[in-house]
Amino acid sequence: MDQPQPSEVMRPIVCTHCHEKQVVRTDGKFGIRFMHAQSVRCLKCGSTFDVILPYQIVAGPYAAS
């Protein structure tokens, strides 16, 4: 896994189908953002599910350590 940039934040997510814990990297910029659904494909089961985060996902998902 490559290192996040200083303005990026690692955020934990959980697959709604198989409940596998994973991590995505978000842009992490400060300030109030509109929270919106973003689609993520699970590493374990391959299903696509929505997560609601205040920042844009820029990379991931990665296996949670």
C-alpha atoms as a PDB file:
ATOM      1  CA  MET A   1       0.000   0.000   0.000  1.00  0.00           C
ATOM      2  CA  ASP A   2       1.463   3.353  -0.983  1.00  0.00           C
ATOM      3  CA  GLN A   3       1.746   6.150   1.559  1.00  0.00           C
ATOM      4  CA  PRO A   4      -1.055   8.763   1.729  1.00  0.00           C
ATOM      5  CA  GLN A   5      -0.290  12.390   0.918  1.00  0.00           C
ATOM      6  CA  PRO A   6      -0.302  14.788   3.921  1.00  0.00           C
ATOM      7  CA  SER A   7      -3.759  16.141   3.034  1.00  0.00           C
ATOM      8  CA  GLU A   8      -5.257  12.636   2.697  1.00  0.00           C
ATOM      9  CA  VAL A   9      -6.964  10.713   5.505  1.00  0.00           C
ATOM     10  CA  MET A  10      -7.394   6.938   5.890  1.00  0.00           C
ATOM     11  CA  ARG A  11     -10.989   6.091   6.844  1.00  0.00           C
ATOM     12  CA  PRO A  12     -12.340   2.686   7.914  1.00  0.00           C
ATOM     13  CA  ILE A  13     -15.412   1.261   6.166  1.00  0.00           C
ATOM     14  CA  VAL A  14     -17.318  -2.040   6.495  1.00  0.00           C
ATOM     15  CA  CYS A  15     -18.901  -4.001   3.632  1.00  0.00           C
ATOM     16  CA  THR A  16     -22.674  -4.113   4.066  1.00  0.00           C
ATOM     17  CA  HIS A  17     -22.810  -7.634   2.563  1.00  0.00           C
ATOM     18  CA  CYS A  18     -19.987  -9.660   4.182  1.00  0.00           C
ATOM     19  CA  HIS A  19     -19.042  -7.199   6.988  1.00  0.00           C
ATOM     20  CA  GLU A  20     -15.344  -7.203   6.005  1.00  0.00           C
ATOM     21  CA  LYS A  21     -13.434  -4.232   7.466  1.00  0.00           C
ATOM     22  CA  GLN A  22     -11.550  -2.178   4.873  1.00  0.00           C
ATOM     23  CA  VAL A  23      -9.892   1.229   4.590  1.00  0.00           C
ATOM     24  CA  VAL A  24     -10.271   3.942   1.934  1.00  0.00           C
ATOM     25  CA  ARG A  25      -8.218   7.080   1.453  1.00  0.00           C
ATOM     26  CA  THR A  26     -10.115  10.386   1.249  1.00  0.00           C
ATOM     27  CA  ASP A  27      -8.916  13.808   0.149  1.00  0.00           C
ATOM     28  CA  GLY A  28      -8.998  15.018   3.777  1.00  0.00           C
ATOM     29  CA  LYS A  29      -9.274  18.716   3.023  1.00  0.00           C
ATOM     30  CA  PHE A  30     -10.497  20.785   5.934  1.00  0.00           C
ATOM     31  CA  GLY A  31     -13.822  22.574   5.992  1.00  0.00           C
ATOM     32  CA  ILE A  32     -17.451  21.564   5.925  1.00  0.00           C
ATOM     33  CA  ARG A  33     -18.394  19.308   3.035  1.00  0.00           C
ATOM     34  CA  PHE A  34     -21.700  17.905   1.886  1.00  0.00           C
ATOM     35  CA  MET A  35     -21.845  14.223   2.807  1.00  0.00           C
ATOM     36  CA  HIS A  36     -22.758  12.045  -0.155  1.00  0.00           C
ATOM     37  CA  ALA A  37     -22.879   8.354  -1.057  1.00  0.00           C
ATOM     38  CA  GLN A  38     -19.901   6.885  -2.893  1.00  0.00           C
ATOM     39  CA  SER A  39     -19.696   3.361  -4.295  1.00  0.00           C
ATOM     40  CA  VAL A  40     -16.965   0.970  -3.173  1.00  0.00           C
ATOM     41  CA  ARG A  41     -16.231  -2.586  -4.364  1.00  0.00           C
ATOM     42  CA  CYS A  42     -15.499  -5.016  -1.506  1.00  0.00           C
ATOM     43  CA  LEU A  43     -12.102  -6.735  -1.537  1.00  0.00           C
ATOM     44  CA  LYS A  44     -13.498  -9.952  -0.025  1.00  0.00           C
ATOM     45  CA  CYS A  45     -16.877 -10.624  -1.679  1.00  0.00           C
ATOM     46  CA  GLY A  46     -16.668  -8.307  -4.716  1.00  0.00           C
ATOM     47  CA  SER A  47     -20.056  -6.655  -4.100  1.00  0.00           C
ATOM     48  CA  THR A  48     -20.509  -2.961  -4.606  1.00  0.00           C
ATOM     49  CA  PHE A  49     -21.906  -0.968  -1.692  1.00  0.00           C
ATOM     50  CA  ASP A  50     -22.379   2.702  -0.852  1.00  0.00           C
ATOM     51  CA  VAL A  51     -20.646   4.550   1.960  1.00  0.00           C
ATOM     52  CA  ILE A  52     -21.452   8.069   3.093  1.00  0.00           C
ATOM     53  CA  LEU A  53     -18.340  10.116   3.773  1.00  0.00           C
ATOM     54  CA  PRO A  54     -17.804  13.888   4.007  1.00  0.00           C
ATOM     55  CA  TYR A  55     -14.818  13.763   1.629  1.00  0.00           C
ATOM     56  CA  GLN A  56     -14.142  12.326  -1.818  1.00  0.00           C
ATOM     57  CA  ILE A  57     -12.557   8.848  -1.925  1.00  0.00           C
ATOM     58  CA  VAL A  58      -9.246   9.081  -3.808  1.00  0.00           C
ATOM     59  CA  ALA A  59      -7.921   5.505  -3.396  1.00  0.00           C
ATOM     60  CA  GLY A  60      -8.771   2.116  -1.985  1.00  0.00           C
ATOM     61  CA  PRO A  61     -10.251   0.043  -0.608  1.00  0.00           C
ATOM     62  CA  TYR A  62      -7.320  -1.575   1.159  1.00  0.00           C
ATOM     63  CA  ALA A  63      -7.325  -4.495   3.582  1.00  0.00           C
ATOM     64  CA  ALA A  64      -7.664  -3.284   7.158  1.00  0.00           C
ATOM     65  CA  SER A  65      -4.676  -4.104   9.317  1.00  0.00           C
END
